[in-house]
Amino acid sequence: MWKEVVALIKKDLTLDFRQRYAIFATLLYVVSTTYIAYLIFRDINDRQTWVALYWIITIFAAITSSTRSFSAESQHRFWYYAQLVRPNAVILSKLLYNVVQMLIISLFTFGLFRLLLGDPIADDGQMLLFVLLGAVGFSTTLTLMSAIASKTNNNTTLMAILSIPLLLPLAATLIAGSKKAALGTPFEESLSFFGVLLLLNILTGVLSVVLYPYMWRE
């Protein structure tokens, strides 16, 4: 099955390389919104404001990026895939591809924030760990929602509506944990946040792999 996963990831890479405007649109969104924040604040010394702005921009960048997971695939193409690969290979390839893509976007946004808006974060190591876990959580949740929306003629509005209730507990945990990292609290005090994030990421990943074959048959 992993050969099928690798082949599908290569296919997604090829498609994105041909349609580079989609990737650059997300990066342009990140750059433009961060630059607007820079024009307003110049240098953010308040840690809570810095954290709030970072996650707001990252969440919307994740939604913008993940809408293309299945919307770029026509129904006829999925019928073609059904003759060649297993459904688990399709969802795993989408999950892995979106996780890597979201990691790149999240780290790029983090670096851009530090460059333009200063670095009031006391513990960058903890903050980076929250960024990595947040990127994985956003991509797994939104990939599953994109798969569901693909069964309703790729209704991206439905995807956004379905995603918000699932993203809220993830975003609340990330913000609360990031505040701890911003204040430089000991790592032990943040372990509960890391545990919750890891549990949410595993849960959404497992749900995606388990539920997608049933959607595939429809």
N, C-alpha and C. Protein backbone atom coordinates (compact mmCIF):
# COMPACT_ATOMS: atom_id res chain seq x y z
N MET A 1 0.82 -1.21 0.00
CA MET A 1 0.00 0.00 0.00
C MET A 1 0.85 1.27 0.00
N TRP A 2 2.04 1.18 0.63
CA TRP A 2 2.87 2.38 0.72
C TRP A 2 3.40 2.81 -0.64
N LYS A 3 3.54 1.86 -1.56
CA LYS A 3 3.92 2.24 -2.92
C LYS A 3 2.82 3.09 -3.55
N GLU A 4 1.58 2.72 -3.28
CA GLU A 4 0.45 3.50 -3.79
C GLU A 4 0.44 4.91 -3.16
N VAL A 5 0.73 4.97 -1.86
CA VAL A 5 0.77 6.27 -1.17
C VAL A 5 1.84 7.17 -1.79
N VAL A 6 3.03 6.62 -2.01
CA VAL A 6 4.13 7.40 -2.60
C VAL A 6 3.76 7.88 -3.99
N ALA A 7 3.13 6.99 -4.78
CA ALA A 7 2.74 7.36 -6.15
C ALA A 7 1.70 8.49 -6.13
N LEU A 8 0.77 8.43 -5.20
CA LEU A 8 -0.26 9.47 -5.12
C LEU A 8 0.33 10.80 -4.64
N ILE A 9 1.29 10.74 -3.72
CA ILE A 9 1.95 11.97 -3.28
C ILE A 9 2.72 12.61 -4.43
N LYS A 10 3.40 11.79 -5.22
CA LYS A 10 4.11 12.31 -6.40
C LYS A 10 3.13 12.96 -7.37
N LYS A 11 1.95 12.34 -7.51
CA LYS A 11 0.94 12.91 -8.40
C LYS A 11 0.48 14.28 -7.89
N ASP A 12 0.26 14.40 -6.56
CA ASP A 12 -0.16 15.68 -6.00
C ASP A 12 0.93 16.74 -6.17
N LEU A 13 2.18 16.33 -5.99
CA LEU A 13 3.29 17.26 -6.20
C LEU A 13 3.33 17.76 -7.63
N THR A 14 3.11 16.86 -8.57
CA THR A 14 3.12 17.24 -9.99
C THR A 14 2.00 18.21 -10.31
N LEU A 15 0.80 17.93 -9.77
CA LEU A 15 -0.34 18.82 -10.01
C LEU A 15 -0.12 20.20 -9.40
N ASP A 16 0.43 20.22 -8.18
CA ASP A 16 0.69 21.52 -7.54
C ASP A 16 1.79 22.29 -8.25
N PHE A 17 2.75 21.57 -8.81
CA PHE A 17 3.81 22.24 -9.55
C PHE A 17 3.24 22.89 -10.82
N ARG A 18 2.26 22.23 -11.43
CA ARG A 18 1.64 22.79 -12.62
C ARG A 18 0.70 23.95 -12.28
N GLN A 19 0.15 23.91 -11.06
CA GLN A 19 -0.77 24.97 -10.63
C GLN A 19 -0.17 25.70 -9.44
N ARG A 20 0.97 26.30 -9.65
CA ARG A 20 1.70 26.93 -8.55
C ARG A 20 0.95 28.12 -7.96
N TYR A 21 0.02 28.68 -8.72
CA TYR A 21 -0.71 29.84 -8.21
C TYR A 21 -1.47 29.50 -6.93
N ALA A 22 -1.91 28.24 -6.77
CA ALA A 22 -2.67 27.86 -5.58
C ALA A 22 -1.80 27.94 -4.33
N ILE A 23 -0.56 27.45 -4.43
CA ILE A 23 0.36 27.51 -3.29
C ILE A 23 0.74 28.95 -3.00
N PHE A 24 1.08 29.69 -4.04
CA PHE A 24 1.51 31.07 -3.85
C PHE A 24 0.37 31.94 -3.33
N ALA A 25 -0.87 31.57 -3.62
CA ALA A 25 -2.02 32.32 -3.10
C ALA A 25 -2.07 32.23 -1.58
N THR A 26 -1.79 31.04 -1.05
CA THR A 26 -1.78 30.88 0.42
C THR A 26 -0.62 31.66 1.04
N LEU A 27 0.55 31.56 0.43
CA LEU A 27 1.71 32.30 0.94
C LEU A 27 1.50 33.80 0.84
N LEU A 28 0.86 34.25 -0.24
CA LEU A 28 0.56 35.67 -0.40
C LEU A 28 -0.40 36.14 0.68
N TYR A 29 -1.38 35.30 1.01
CA TYR A 29 -2.31 35.63 2.10
C TYR A 29 -1.55 35.83 3.41
N VAL A 30 -0.62 34.91 3.71
CA VAL A 30 0.16 34.99 4.94
C VAL A 30 1.00 36.27 4.96
N VAL A 31 1.69 36.54 3.85
CA VAL A 31 2.57 37.71 3.79
C VAL A 31 1.76 39.00 3.91
N SER A 32 0.65 39.08 3.18
CA SER A 32 -0.14 40.32 3.18
C SER A 32 -0.77 40.59 4.54
N THR A 33 -1.34 39.56 5.18
CA THR A 33 -1.97 39.78 6.48
C THR A 33 -0.92 40.10 7.55
N THR A 34 0.22 39.45 7.48
CA THR A 34 1.28 39.74 8.44
C THR A 34 1.81 41.16 8.24
N TYR A 35 1.94 41.56 7.00
CA TYR A 35 2.44 42.91 6.73
C TYR A 35 1.44 43.97 7.18
N ILE A 36 0.14 43.69 7.03
CA ILE A 36 -0.89 44.62 7.52
C ILE A 36 -0.78 44.74 9.04
N ALA A 37 -0.58 43.59 9.71
CA ALA A 37 -0.39 43.63 11.17
C ALA A 37 0.85 44.44 11.53
N TYR A 38 1.89 44.31 10.71
CA TYR A 38 3.12 45.09 10.94
C TYR A 38 2.87 46.59 10.79
N LEU A 39 2.09 46.97 9.77
CA LEU A 39 1.77 48.38 9.56
C LEU A 39 0.97 48.96 10.72
N ILE A 40 0.13 48.11 11.34
CA ILE A 40 -0.70 48.58 12.45
C ILE A 40 0.08 48.63 13.75
N PHE A 41 0.82 47.55 14.05
CA PHE A 41 1.45 47.42 15.36
C PHE A 41 2.93 47.76 15.37
N ARG A 42 3.58 47.62 14.19
CA ARG A 42 5.04 47.79 14.09
C ARG A 42 5.78 46.72 14.88
N ASP A 43 5.72 46.79 16.18
CA ASP A 43 6.42 45.81 17.02
C ASP A 43 5.49 45.42 18.17
N ILE A 44 5.13 44.13 18.22
CA ILE A 44 4.19 43.68 19.24
C ILE A 44 4.95 43.19 20.45
N ASN A 45 4.83 43.92 21.53
CA ASN A 45 5.47 43.52 22.78
C ASN A 45 4.56 42.69 23.66
N ASP A 46 3.25 42.84 23.44
CA ASP A 46 2.29 42.07 24.22
C ASP A 46 2.24 40.64 23.70
N ARG A 47 2.57 39.69 24.55
CA ARG A 47 2.67 38.29 24.13
C ARG A 47 1.32 37.72 23.68
N GLN A 48 0.26 38.06 24.40
CA GLN A 48 -1.05 37.51 24.06
C GLN A 48 -1.52 37.99 22.68
N THR A 49 -1.27 39.25 22.37
CA THR A 49 -1.64 39.78 21.05
C THR A 49 -0.85 39.07 19.95
N TRP A 50 0.43 38.85 20.19
CA TRP A 50 1.29 38.17 19.20
C TRP A 50 0.77 36.76 18.94
N VAL A 51 0.48 36.05 20.03
CA VAL A 51 0.00 34.66 19.91
C VAL A 51 -1.36 34.62 19.20
N ALA A 52 -2.27 35.52 19.59
CA ALA A 52 -3.61 35.53 18.99
C ALA A 52 -3.54 35.80 17.48
N LEU A 53 -2.78 36.81 17.09
CA LEU A 53 -2.64 37.12 15.66
C LEU A 53 -2.02 35.96 14.89
N TYR A 54 -1.02 35.34 15.48
CA TYR A 54 -0.34 34.22 14.79
C TYR A 54 -1.33 33.09 14.50
N TRP A 55 -2.11 32.69 15.49
CA TRP A 55 -3.00 31.55 15.29
C TRP A 55 -4.19 31.91 14.41
N ILE A 56 -4.67 33.14 14.47
CA ILE A 56 -5.75 33.55 13.57
C ILE A 56 -5.31 33.43 12.12
N ILE A 57 -4.14 33.97 11.81
CA ILE A 57 -3.63 33.91 10.44
C ILE A 57 -3.34 32.48 10.02
N THR A 58 -2.78 31.68 10.92
CA THR A 58 -2.43 30.30 10.59
C THR A 58 -3.68 29.45 10.34
N ILE A 59 -4.72 29.64 11.14
CA ILE A 59 -5.95 28.87 10.95
C ILE A 59 -6.57 29.15 9.58
N PHE A 60 -6.67 30.42 9.21
CA PHE A 60 -7.26 30.74 7.92
C PHE A 60 -6.37 30.30 6.76
N ALA A 61 -5.06 30.33 6.96
CA ALA A 61 -4.16 29.80 5.93
C ALA A 61 -4.35 28.30 5.77
N ALA A 62 -4.57 27.60 6.88
CA ALA A 62 -4.81 26.16 6.83
C ALA A 62 -6.09 25.83 6.08
N ILE A 63 -7.15 26.60 6.35
CA ILE A 63 -8.43 26.38 5.65
C ILE A 63 -8.26 26.64 4.15
N THR A 64 -7.58 27.73 3.82
CA THR A 64 -7.36 28.07 2.40
C THR A 64 -6.57 26.97 1.70
N SER A 65 -5.55 26.46 2.37
CA SER A 65 -4.70 25.44 1.77
C SER A 65 -5.40 24.10 1.64
N SER A 66 -6.16 23.71 2.66
CA SER A 66 -6.76 22.37 2.69
C SER A 66 -8.00 22.24 1.81
N THR A 67 -8.60 23.33 1.41
CA THR A 67 -9.77 23.23 0.54
C THR A 67 -9.42 22.58 -0.79
N ARG A 68 -8.14 22.60 -1.16
CA ARG A 68 -7.73 22.02 -2.43
C ARG A 68 -7.46 20.52 -2.33
N SER A 69 -7.56 19.94 -1.14
CA SER A 69 -7.22 18.54 -0.96
C SER A 69 -7.99 17.63 -1.91
N PHE A 70 -9.32 17.79 -1.89
CA PHE A 70 -10.16 16.94 -2.73
C PHE A 70 -10.91 17.74 -3.79
N SER A 71 -11.00 19.07 -3.61
CA SER A 71 -11.74 19.87 -4.59
C SER A 71 -11.06 19.87 -5.95
N ALA A 72 -9.73 19.64 -5.96
CA ALA A 72 -9.01 19.61 -7.23
C ALA A 72 -9.22 18.31 -7.98
N GLU A 73 -9.82 17.33 -7.31
CA GLU A 73 -10.04 16.01 -7.92
C GLU A 73 -11.48 15.90 -8.41
N SER A 74 -11.66 15.57 -9.68
CA SER A 74 -13.00 15.38 -10.21
C SER A 74 -13.54 14.01 -9.80
N GLN A 75 -14.86 13.85 -9.87
CA GLN A 75 -15.47 12.56 -9.52
C GLN A 75 -15.00 11.46 -10.46
N HIS A 76 -14.81 11.80 -11.72
CA HIS A 76 -14.34 10.80 -12.69
C HIS A 76 -12.94 10.32 -12.34
N ARG A 77 -12.13 11.23 -11.83
CA ARG A 77 -10.78 10.84 -11.45
C ARG A 77 -10.81 9.89 -10.26
N PHE A 78 -11.73 10.08 -9.31
CA PHE A 78 -11.85 9.16 -8.19
C PHE A 78 -12.32 7.79 -8.65
N TRP A 79 -13.18 7.75 -9.64
CA TRP A 79 -13.58 6.45 -10.19
C TRP A 79 -12.37 5.74 -10.80
N TYR A 80 -11.51 6.51 -11.42
CA TYR A 80 -10.29 5.95 -11.99
C TYR A 80 -9.37 5.44 -10.89
N TYR A 81 -9.24 6.22 -9.81
CA TYR A 81 -8.40 5.78 -8.68
C TYR A 81 -8.92 4.48 -8.08
N ALA A 82 -10.27 4.33 -8.06
CA ALA A 82 -10.86 3.15 -7.45
C ALA A 82 -10.44 1.85 -8.14
N GLN A 83 -10.05 1.96 -9.40
CA GLN A 83 -9.59 0.78 -10.14
C GLN A 83 -8.11 0.48 -9.89
N LEU A 84 -7.39 1.43 -9.32
CA LEU A 84 -5.93 1.29 -9.22
C LEU A 84 -5.41 1.16 -7.79
N VAL A 85 -6.01 1.91 -6.86
CA VAL A 85 -5.45 1.97 -5.51
C VAL A 85 -6.54 1.72 -4.47
N ARG A 86 -6.10 1.46 -3.25
CA ARG A 86 -7.02 1.28 -2.14
C ARG A 86 -7.40 2.63 -1.53
N PRO A 87 -8.60 2.70 -0.94
CA PRO A 87 -9.03 3.99 -0.36
C PRO A 87 -8.10 4.46 0.76
N ASN A 88 -7.55 3.54 1.55
CA ASN A 88 -6.64 3.94 2.62
C ASN A 88 -5.39 4.62 2.05
N ALA A 89 -4.95 4.18 0.87
CA ALA A 89 -3.78 4.81 0.24
C ALA A 89 -4.10 6.24 -0.15
N VAL A 90 -5.32 6.50 -0.62
CA VAL A 90 -5.72 7.85 -1.03
C VAL A 90 -5.73 8.79 0.17
N ILE A 91 -6.40 8.37 1.25
CA ILE A 91 -6.51 9.27 2.41
C ILE A 91 -5.17 9.45 3.11
N LEU A 92 -4.35 8.40 3.17
CA LEU A 92 -3.03 8.54 3.78
C LEU A 92 -2.14 9.49 2.98
N SER A 93 -2.22 9.40 1.65
CA SER A 93 -1.40 10.29 0.82
C SER A 93 -1.83 11.74 1.00
N LYS A 94 -3.15 11.97 1.09
CA LYS A 94 -3.64 13.33 1.31
C LYS A 94 -3.22 13.85 2.68
N LEU A 95 -3.33 12.99 3.71
CA LEU A 95 -2.95 13.39 5.06
C LEU A 95 -1.48 13.77 5.13
N LEU A 96 -0.61 12.91 4.61
CA LEU A 96 0.83 13.16 4.68
C LEU A 96 1.20 14.41 3.87
N TYR A 97 0.62 14.53 2.70
CA TYR A 97 0.93 15.68 1.84
C TYR A 97 0.49 16.99 2.50
N ASN A 98 -0.71 16.99 3.07
CA ASN A 98 -1.22 18.21 3.71
C ASN A 98 -0.47 18.54 5.00
N VAL A 99 -0.04 17.50 5.73
CA VAL A 99 0.74 17.76 6.95
C VAL A 99 2.05 18.46 6.61
N VAL A 100 2.75 17.95 5.59
CA VAL A 100 4.02 18.58 5.20
C VAL A 100 3.78 20.00 4.70
N GLN A 101 2.75 20.17 3.89
CA GLN A 101 2.44 21.50 3.36
C GLN A 101 2.09 22.48 4.47
N MET A 102 1.30 22.01 5.46
CA MET A 102 0.91 22.88 6.57
C MET A 102 2.08 23.18 7.48
N LEU A 103 2.99 22.23 7.64
CA LEU A 103 4.20 22.49 8.43
C LEU A 103 5.03 23.61 7.80
N ILE A 104 5.16 23.57 6.49
CA ILE A 104 5.92 24.60 5.78
C ILE A 104 5.25 25.96 5.96
N ILE A 105 3.93 26.01 5.80
CA ILE A 105 3.20 27.27 5.93
C ILE A 105 3.29 27.81 7.37
N SER A 106 3.14 26.93 8.36
CA SER A 106 3.17 27.36 9.76
C SER A 106 4.54 27.88 10.15
N LEU A 107 5.60 27.18 9.74
CA LEU A 107 6.95 27.63 10.06
C LEU A 107 7.30 28.91 9.32
N PHE A 108 6.83 29.02 8.07
CA PHE A 108 7.05 30.25 7.31
C PHE A 108 6.37 31.43 8.00
N THR A 109 5.13 31.23 8.46
CA THR A 109 4.41 32.29 9.16
C THR A 109 5.10 32.66 10.46
N PHE A 110 5.58 31.65 11.19
CA PHE A 110 6.28 31.89 12.45
C PHE A 110 7.54 32.73 12.22
N GLY A 111 8.31 32.37 11.19
CA GLY A 111 9.52 33.13 10.88
C GLY A 111 9.20 34.55 10.44
N LEU A 112 8.14 34.70 9.66
CA LEU A 112 7.74 36.03 9.19
C LEU A 112 7.27 36.90 10.36
N PHE A 113 6.55 36.31 11.29
CA PHE A 113 6.12 37.04 12.47
C PHE A 113 7.32 37.53 13.28
N ARG A 114 8.29 36.65 13.48
CA ARG A 114 9.48 37.04 14.24
C ARG A 114 10.25 38.14 13.53
N LEU A 115 10.25 38.10 12.21
CA LEU A 115 10.99 39.10 11.44
C LEU A 115 10.33 40.47 11.49
N LEU A 116 9.00 40.50 11.32
CA LEU A 116 8.29 41.78 11.20
C LEU A 116 7.72 42.29 12.52
N LEU A 117 7.26 41.38 13.36
CA LEU A 117 6.53 41.80 14.56
C LEU A 117 7.29 41.57 15.85
N GLY A 118 8.56 41.23 15.75
CA GLY A 118 9.35 41.02 16.95
C GLY A 118 9.19 39.61 17.50
N ASP A 119 9.90 39.33 18.57
CA ASP A 119 9.87 37.99 19.16
C ASP A 119 9.70 38.10 20.67
N PRO A 120 8.44 38.30 21.13
CA PRO A 120 8.20 38.40 22.58
C PRO A 120 8.08 37.03 23.25
N ILE A 121 8.23 35.95 22.49
CA ILE A 121 8.07 34.60 23.04
C ILE A 121 9.29 34.25 23.88
N ALA A 122 9.04 33.90 25.15
CA ALA A 122 10.14 33.61 26.07
C ALA A 122 10.76 32.25 25.80
N ASP A 123 9.96 31.25 25.41
CA ASP A 123 10.47 29.90 25.16
C ASP A 123 10.14 29.50 23.73
N ASP A 124 11.09 29.74 22.82
CA ASP A 124 10.86 29.44 21.41
C ASP A 124 10.74 27.94 21.16
N GLY A 125 11.42 27.13 21.96
CA GLY A 125 11.35 25.67 21.79
C GLY A 125 9.94 25.15 22.01
N GLN A 126 9.32 25.55 23.11
CA GLN A 126 7.94 25.15 23.38
C GLN A 126 7.00 25.67 22.30
N MET A 127 7.20 26.92 21.91
CA MET A 127 6.32 27.52 20.91
C MET A 127 6.41 26.76 19.59
N LEU A 128 7.62 26.39 19.18
CA LEU A 128 7.79 25.63 17.93
C LEU A 128 7.10 24.28 18.02
N LEU A 129 7.14 23.66 19.17
CA LEU A 129 6.46 22.37 19.34
C LEU A 129 4.95 22.53 19.21
N PHE A 130 4.42 23.63 19.76
CA PHE A 130 2.99 23.91 19.58
C PHE A 130 2.68 24.18 18.11
N VAL A 131 3.57 24.87 17.42
CA VAL A 131 3.38 25.16 16.00
C VAL A 131 3.33 23.85 15.20
N LEU A 132 4.23 22.93 15.50
CA LEU A 132 4.27 21.66 14.78
C LEU A 132 3.02 20.82 15.05
N LEU A 133 2.63 20.72 16.32
CA LEU A 133 1.43 19.95 16.66
C LEU A 133 0.17 20.61 16.09
N GLY A 134 0.14 21.95 16.09
CA GLY A 134 -0.99 22.65 15.51
C GLY A 134 -1.10 22.42 14.01
N ALA A 135 0.02 22.42 13.33
CA ALA A 135 0.02 22.18 11.88
C ALA A 135 -0.52 20.79 11.56
N VAL A 136 -0.09 19.80 12.33
CA VAL A 136 -0.57 18.43 12.12
C VAL A 136 -2.07 18.34 12.41
N GLY A 137 -2.51 18.98 13.50
CA GLY A 137 -3.92 18.95 13.86
C GLY A 137 -4.81 19.63 12.83
N PHE A 138 -4.40 20.80 12.36
CA PHE A 138 -5.19 21.51 11.36
C PHE A 138 -5.29 20.69 10.07
N SER A 139 -4.18 20.13 9.62
CA SER A 139 -4.17 19.42 8.34
C SER A 139 -4.99 18.14 8.40
N THR A 140 -4.89 17.38 9.50
CA THR A 140 -5.67 16.13 9.59
C THR A 140 -7.17 16.42 9.68
N THR A 141 -7.53 17.41 10.49
CA THR A 141 -8.95 17.75 10.63
C THR A 141 -9.54 18.26 9.32
N LEU A 142 -8.83 19.17 8.67
CA LEU A 142 -9.35 19.78 7.44
C LEU A 142 -9.32 18.82 6.27
N THR A 143 -8.38 17.88 6.27
CA THR A 143 -8.36 16.87 5.20
C THR A 143 -9.61 16.00 5.29
N LEU A 144 -9.97 15.59 6.50
CA LEU A 144 -11.19 14.79 6.68
C LEU A 144 -12.42 15.58 6.24
N MET A 145 -12.50 16.85 6.63
CA MET A 145 -13.64 17.67 6.24
C MET A 145 -13.69 17.90 4.73
N SER A 146 -12.53 18.02 4.12
CA SER A 146 -12.47 18.18 2.67
C SER A 146 -12.96 16.92 1.97
N ALA A 147 -12.64 15.75 2.54
CA ALA A 147 -13.11 14.49 1.96
C ALA A 147 -14.62 14.39 2.04
N ILE A 148 -15.20 14.83 3.17
CA ILE A 148 -16.66 14.81 3.32
C ILE A 148 -17.30 15.78 2.33
N ALA A 149 -16.72 16.98 2.22
CA ALA A 149 -17.28 17.99 1.31
C ALA A 149 -17.20 17.55 -0.14
N SER A 150 -16.21 16.71 -0.46
CA SER A 150 -16.07 16.26 -1.85
C SER A 150 -17.25 15.41 -2.29
N LYS A 151 -17.96 14.84 -1.32
CA LYS A 151 -19.15 14.04 -1.64
C LYS A 151 -20.39 14.90 -1.82
N THR A 152 -20.25 16.20 -1.67
CA THR A 152 -21.37 17.13 -1.88
C THR A 152 -20.99 18.13 -2.97
N ASN A 153 -20.43 17.62 -4.04
CA ASN A 153 -20.00 18.45 -5.17
C ASN A 153 -18.96 19.48 -4.77
N ASN A 154 -18.03 19.07 -3.86
CA ASN A 154 -16.92 19.93 -3.43
C ASN A 154 -17.40 21.27 -2.89
N ASN A 155 -18.39 21.23 -2.03
CA ASN A 155 -18.93 22.44 -1.43
C ASN A 155 -17.96 22.94 -0.36
N THR A 156 -17.15 23.94 -0.70
CA THR A 156 -16.15 24.45 0.24
C THR A 156 -16.79 25.19 1.40
N THR A 157 -18.00 25.74 1.17
CA THR A 157 -18.71 26.39 2.27
C THR A 157 -19.08 25.38 3.34
N LEU A 158 -19.54 24.20 2.90
CA LEU A 158 -19.86 23.14 3.85
C LEU A 158 -18.63 22.71 4.62
N MET A 159 -17.50 22.65 3.93
CA MET A 159 -16.26 22.26 4.60
C MET A 159 -15.91 23.24 5.72
N ALA A 160 -16.04 24.53 5.44
CA ALA A 160 -15.74 25.53 6.47
C ALA A 160 -16.69 25.42 7.65
N ILE A 161 -17.98 25.18 7.36
CA ILE A 161 -18.97 25.06 8.43
C ILE A 161 -18.68 23.84 9.30
N LEU A 162 -18.36 22.72 8.67
CA LEU A 162 -18.07 21.50 9.42
C LEU A 162 -16.77 21.60 10.21
N SER A 163 -15.82 22.35 9.67
CA SER A 163 -14.49 22.41 10.29
C SER A 163 -14.47 23.24 11.56
N ILE A 164 -15.27 24.31 11.61
CA ILE A 164 -15.18 25.25 12.74
C ILE A 164 -15.41 24.57 14.09
N PRO A 165 -16.48 23.74 14.27
CA PRO A 165 -16.64 23.11 15.60
C PRO A 165 -15.48 22.18 15.96
N LEU A 166 -14.87 21.54 14.98
CA LEU A 166 -13.76 20.63 15.26
C LEU A 166 -12.46 21.38 15.52
N LEU A 167 -12.31 22.55 14.90
CA LEU A 167 -11.09 23.32 15.08
C LEU A 167 -11.08 24.11 16.39
N LEU A 168 -12.25 24.38 16.93
CA LEU A 168 -12.33 25.21 18.15
C LEU A 168 -11.57 24.60 19.34
N PRO A 169 -11.80 23.31 19.69
CA PRO A 169 -11.03 22.76 20.82
C PRO A 169 -9.53 22.71 20.54
N LEU A 170 -9.17 22.44 19.29
CA LEU A 170 -7.76 22.42 18.92
C LEU A 170 -7.15 23.82 19.05
N ALA A 171 -7.87 24.83 18.53
CA ALA A 171 -7.37 26.21 18.61
C ALA A 171 -7.30 26.69 20.05
N ALA A 172 -8.30 26.35 20.87
CA ALA A 172 -8.31 26.77 22.27
C ALA A 172 -7.11 26.19 23.03
N THR A 173 -6.81 24.91 22.76
CA THR A 173 -5.66 24.28 23.41
C THR A 173 -4.35 24.89 22.95
N LEU A 174 -4.25 25.16 21.65
CA LEU A 174 -3.04 25.78 21.11
C LEU A 174 -2.80 27.17 21.69
N ILE A 175 -3.85 27.95 21.78
CA ILE A 175 -3.71 29.32 22.30
C ILE A 175 -3.32 29.30 23.78
N ALA A 176 -3.99 28.43 24.55
CA ALA A 176 -3.68 28.35 25.98
C ALA A 176 -2.24 27.88 26.20
N GLY A 177 -1.82 26.87 25.42
CA GLY A 177 -0.45 26.38 25.55
C GLY A 177 0.58 27.38 25.07
N SER A 178 0.25 28.09 23.99
CA SER A 178 1.18 29.09 23.44
C SER A 178 1.39 30.24 24.41
N LYS A 179 0.34 30.59 25.16
CA LYS A 179 0.50 31.63 26.19
C LYS A 179 1.51 31.20 27.24
N LYS A 180 1.46 29.92 27.61
CA LYS A 180 2.44 29.39 28.57
C LYS A 180 3.85 29.50 28.01
N ALA A 181 4.00 29.11 26.73
CA ALA A 181 5.32 29.19 26.10
C ALA A 181 5.79 30.64 25.99
N ALA A 182 4.85 31.55 25.70
CA ALA A 182 5.20 32.96 25.57
C ALA A 182 5.71 33.54 26.89
N LEU A 183 5.13 33.05 27.99
CA LEU A 183 5.53 33.54 29.30
C LEU A 183 6.77 32.84 29.84
N GLY A 184 7.19 31.76 29.17
CA GLY A 184 8.39 31.05 29.60
C GLY A 184 8.18 30.14 30.79
N THR A 185 6.96 29.60 30.94
CA THR A 185 6.70 28.69 32.05
C THR A 185 7.45 27.39 31.84
N PRO A 186 7.76 26.65 32.91
CA PRO A 186 8.49 25.39 32.77
C PRO A 186 7.78 24.40 31.84
N PHE A 187 8.56 23.58 31.18
CA PHE A 187 8.03 22.62 30.21
C PHE A 187 7.02 21.67 30.86
N GLU A 188 7.25 21.31 32.11
CA GLU A 188 6.37 20.37 32.79
C GLU A 188 4.94 20.89 32.90
N GLU A 189 4.78 22.20 33.00
CA GLU A 189 3.45 22.79 33.11
C GLU A 189 2.69 22.76 31.79
N SER A 190 3.42 22.56 30.70
CA SER A 190 2.77 22.51 29.38
C SER A 190 2.51 21.09 28.90
N LEU A 191 2.93 20.09 29.68
CA LEU A 191 2.78 18.70 29.24
C LEU A 191 1.33 18.33 29.00
N SER A 192 0.42 18.85 29.82
CA SER A 192 -1.01 18.53 29.63
C SER A 192 -1.51 19.03 28.28
N PHE A 193 -1.05 20.23 27.87
CA PHE A 193 -1.46 20.77 26.57
C PHE A 193 -0.90 19.92 25.43
N PHE A 194 0.36 19.53 25.56
CA PHE A 194 0.96 18.67 24.53
C PHE A 194 0.22 17.34 24.44
N GLY A 195 -0.17 16.79 25.61
CA GLY A 195 -0.89 15.52 25.62
C GLY A 195 -2.25 15.63 24.93
N VAL A 196 -2.98 16.71 25.21
CA VAL A 196 -4.29 16.91 24.58
C VAL A 196 -4.14 17.07 23.07
N LEU A 197 -3.15 17.86 22.65
CA LEU A 197 -2.94 18.07 21.21
C LEU A 197 -2.57 16.76 20.52
N LEU A 198 -1.70 15.99 21.14
CA LEU A 198 -1.30 14.71 20.56
C LEU A 198 -2.49 13.77 20.45
N LEU A 199 -3.33 13.75 21.48
CA LEU A 199 -4.52 12.91 21.46
C LEU A 199 -5.49 13.34 20.36
N LEU A 200 -5.71 14.65 20.22
CA LEU A 200 -6.60 15.15 19.17
C LEU A 200 -6.06 14.82 17.78
N ASN A 201 -4.75 14.95 17.59
CA ASN A 201 -4.15 14.64 16.29
C ASN A 201 -4.30 13.17 15.94
N ILE A 202 -4.05 12.31 16.93
CA ILE A 202 -4.19 10.87 16.68
C ILE A 202 -5.64 10.51 16.38
N LEU A 203 -6.55 11.12 17.14
CA LEU A 203 -7.98 10.83 16.96
C LEU A 203 -8.46 11.21 15.57
N THR A 204 -8.12 12.42 15.12
CA THR A 204 -8.57 12.86 13.79
C THR A 204 -7.89 12.05 12.68
N GLY A 205 -6.63 11.68 12.89
CA GLY A 205 -5.94 10.86 11.90
C GLY A 205 -6.56 9.48 11.77
N VAL A 206 -6.86 8.86 12.91
CA VAL A 206 -7.47 7.52 12.89
C VAL A 206 -8.87 7.58 12.30
N LEU A 207 -9.65 8.61 12.68
CA LEU A 207 -10.99 8.76 12.13
C LEU A 207 -10.96 8.90 10.61
N SER A 208 -9.98 9.65 10.11
CA SER A 208 -9.86 9.83 8.66
C SER A 208 -9.63 8.50 7.96
N VAL A 209 -8.70 7.70 8.50
CA VAL A 209 -8.36 6.42 7.87
C VAL A 209 -9.52 5.43 7.98
N VAL A 210 -10.25 5.47 9.11
CA VAL A 210 -11.34 4.52 9.32
C VAL A 210 -12.58 4.90 8.51
N LEU A 211 -12.92 6.19 8.48
CA LEU A 211 -14.17 6.62 7.85
C LEU A 211 -14.08 6.76 6.34
N TYR A 212 -12.90 7.09 5.83
CA TYR A 212 -12.81 7.40 4.40
C TYR A 212 -13.22 6.22 3.50
N PRO A 213 -12.84 4.96 3.81
CA PRO A 213 -13.29 3.87 2.94
C PRO A 213 -14.80 3.79 2.78
N TYR A 214 -15.55 4.16 3.83
CA TYR A 214 -17.02 4.14 3.72
C TYR A 214 -17.50 5.24 2.79
N MET A 215 -16.87 6.41 2.87
CA MET A 215 -17.21 7.50 1.95
C MET A 215 -16.82 7.14 0.52
N TRP A 216 -15.70 6.43 0.38
CA TRP A 216 -15.20 6.01 -0.94
C TRP A 216 -16.23 5.14 -1.65
N ARG A 217 -16.90 4.24 -0.89
CA ARG A 217 -17.87 3.34 -1.51
C ARG A 217 -19.09 4.08 -2.00
N GLU A 218 -19.39 5.24 -1.36
CA GLU A 218 -20.55 6.03 -1.80
C GLU A 218 -20.29 6.69 -3.14
